[in-house]
Each structure stands twice: as C-alpha cells, then as structure tokens.
Amino acid sequence: MQRDEGARASLDERDRALLDFARKLNDAPDAVSFEDINRLRVAGFTDQNIFDTVMVVAYFNFINRVADGLGVPLEPETQQSYERHRDDVMAA
C-alpha cells in the first residue's frame, strides 16, 4: 500500500493517517511522538484503535524476530517483499 501511490491515494484521509502511523512505528519506532498520537485522535481514532494498531505492528515485528532468530526460511514472495521494504527504508 505504501509503495503503490494509486492504492494509497484511494484511501481516505483517516486511513492514510493510520497507514502513515503504522509505517512510522514499524520503520522508526524511536521517532514516534505524542504529536503522531494526537494526529490519529484528530483523525477520529480512539485510544483503543491506536492501542490496537500499536499491538498489531508490534506483534508482526515480534513474530518476525522470532522467525529470524530461529532461522525459519521465508516464503519467496515474503522474502521479495521484505527486500523491497528494506531497500525503501535504507534509501529514505
């Protein structure tokens, strides 16, 4: 969704705010600020919605570290997606 500007553009402002927050939390968790949380509240998200989003992002990061730590091989399409995302993050 983040790479496909057409798909991203089809989202409403509220959903784009949530996507941007989740991506920032995933890519640069130390950069997430109170202002990021407030942006979600202004967009209409409840604290429960924000908590749920943080938990989903955290879970995916957690389970990926577990799989990496145990040497679980990725499926080819997952590996390709990971490499594209990694390259995007490194280029930013």
Protein backbone atom coordinates (compact mmCIF):
# COMPACT_ATOMS: atom_id res chain seq x y z
CA MET A 1 0.00 0.00 0.00
CA GLN A 2 2.80 2.41 0.88
CA ARG A 3 4.68 1.65 -2.36
CA ASP A 4 1.57 1.84 -4.56
CA GLU A 5 0.64 5.53 -4.68
CA GLY A 6 -2.53 4.73 -6.63
CA ALA A 7 -3.79 2.40 -3.91
CA ARG A 8 -2.66 4.81 -1.21
CA ALA A 9 -4.43 7.69 -2.96
CA SER A 10 -7.66 5.71 -2.93
CA LEU A 11 -7.65 5.75 0.87
CA ASP A 12 -9.46 8.48 2.70
CA GLU A 13 -7.50 10.89 4.87
CA ARG A 14 -8.29 8.96 8.04
CA ASP A 15 -6.98 5.66 6.67
CA ARG A 16 -3.86 7.34 5.25
CA ALA A 17 -3.15 8.79 8.71
CA LEU A 18 -3.35 5.29 10.22
CA LEU A 19 -1.18 3.78 7.48
CA ASP A 20 1.43 6.52 7.90
CA PHE A 21 1.48 6.00 11.67
CA ALA A 22 1.83 2.21 11.36
CA ARG A 23 4.62 2.60 8.82
CA LYS A 24 6.47 5.10 11.04
CA LEU A 25 6.07 2.83 14.07
CA ASN A 26 7.44 -0.08 12.07
CA ASP A 27 10.32 1.76 10.40
CA ALA A 28 11.41 4.26 13.07
CA PRO A 29 9.75 3.47 16.40
CA ASP A 30 12.04 5.85 18.27
CA ALA A 31 10.72 8.71 16.13
CA VAL A 32 7.06 8.21 17.08
CA SER A 33 5.93 11.16 19.16
CA PHE A 34 2.96 12.45 21.10
CA GLU A 35 2.11 14.54 18.04
CA ASP A 36 1.77 11.35 15.97
CA ILE A 37 -0.73 10.01 18.50
CA ASN A 38 -2.63 13.30 18.52
CA ARG A 39 -2.82 13.26 14.70
CA LEU A 40 -4.64 9.94 14.95
CA ARG A 41 -7.00 11.28 17.59
CA VAL A 42 -7.77 14.32 15.42
CA ALA A 43 -8.42 11.93 12.51
CA GLY A 44 -11.09 10.26 14.66
CA PHE A 45 -9.29 7.26 16.12
CA THR A 46 -9.94 6.30 19.72
CA ASP A 47 -7.23 5.38 22.16
CA GLN A 48 -8.38 1.77 21.80
CA ASN A 49 -7.94 1.99 18.00
CA ILE A 50 -4.45 3.41 18.48
CA PHE A 51 -3.57 0.73 21.02
CA ASP A 52 -4.81 -1.99 18.66
CA THR A 53 -2.70 -0.58 15.83
CA VAL A 54 0.41 -0.48 18.01
CA MET A 55 -0.21 -4.06 19.11
CA VAL A 56 -0.61 -5.33 15.53
CA VAL A 57 2.59 -3.61 14.39
CA ALA A 58 4.43 -4.83 17.49
CA TYR A 59 3.16 -8.39 17.02
CA PHE A 60 4.36 -8.56 13.42
CA ASN A 61 7.76 -7.21 14.44
CA PHE A 62 7.93 -9.68 17.33
CA ILE A 63 7.00 -12.73 15.31
CA ASN A 64 9.41 -11.76 12.54
CA ARG A 65 12.25 -11.55 15.09
CA VAL A 66 11.30 -14.97 16.44
CA ALA A 67 11.31 -16.46 12.95
CA ASP A 68 14.62 -14.75 12.10
CA GLY A 69 16.16 -15.88 15.39
CA LEU A 70 15.17 -19.47 14.76
CA GLY A 71 16.29 -19.42 11.14
CA VAL A 72 12.83 -20.02 9.73
CA PRO A 73 13.13 -19.56 5.96
CA LEU A 74 10.78 -17.04 4.38
CA GLU A 75 8.47 -17.93 1.53
CA PRO A 76 9.87 -16.49 -1.74
CA GLU A 77 7.18 -13.80 -2.08
CA THR A 78 7.65 -12.77 1.54
CA GLN A 79 11.41 -12.55 1.01
CA GLN A 80 10.91 -10.33 -2.05
CA SER A 81 8.51 -8.08 -0.14
CA TYR A 82 10.94 -7.83 2.77
CA GLU A 83 13.82 -6.92 0.44
CA ARG A 84 11.76 -4.21 -1.30
CA HIS A 85 10.74 -2.74 2.05
CA ARG A 86 14.30 -2.90 3.38
CA ASP A 87 15.60 -1.14 0.27
CA ASP A 88 12.95 1.59 0.63
CA VAL A 89 13.87 2.15 4.28
CA MET A 90 17.58 2.28 3.51
CA ALA A 91 17.01 4.77 0.66
CA ALA A 92 14.99 7.12 2.88
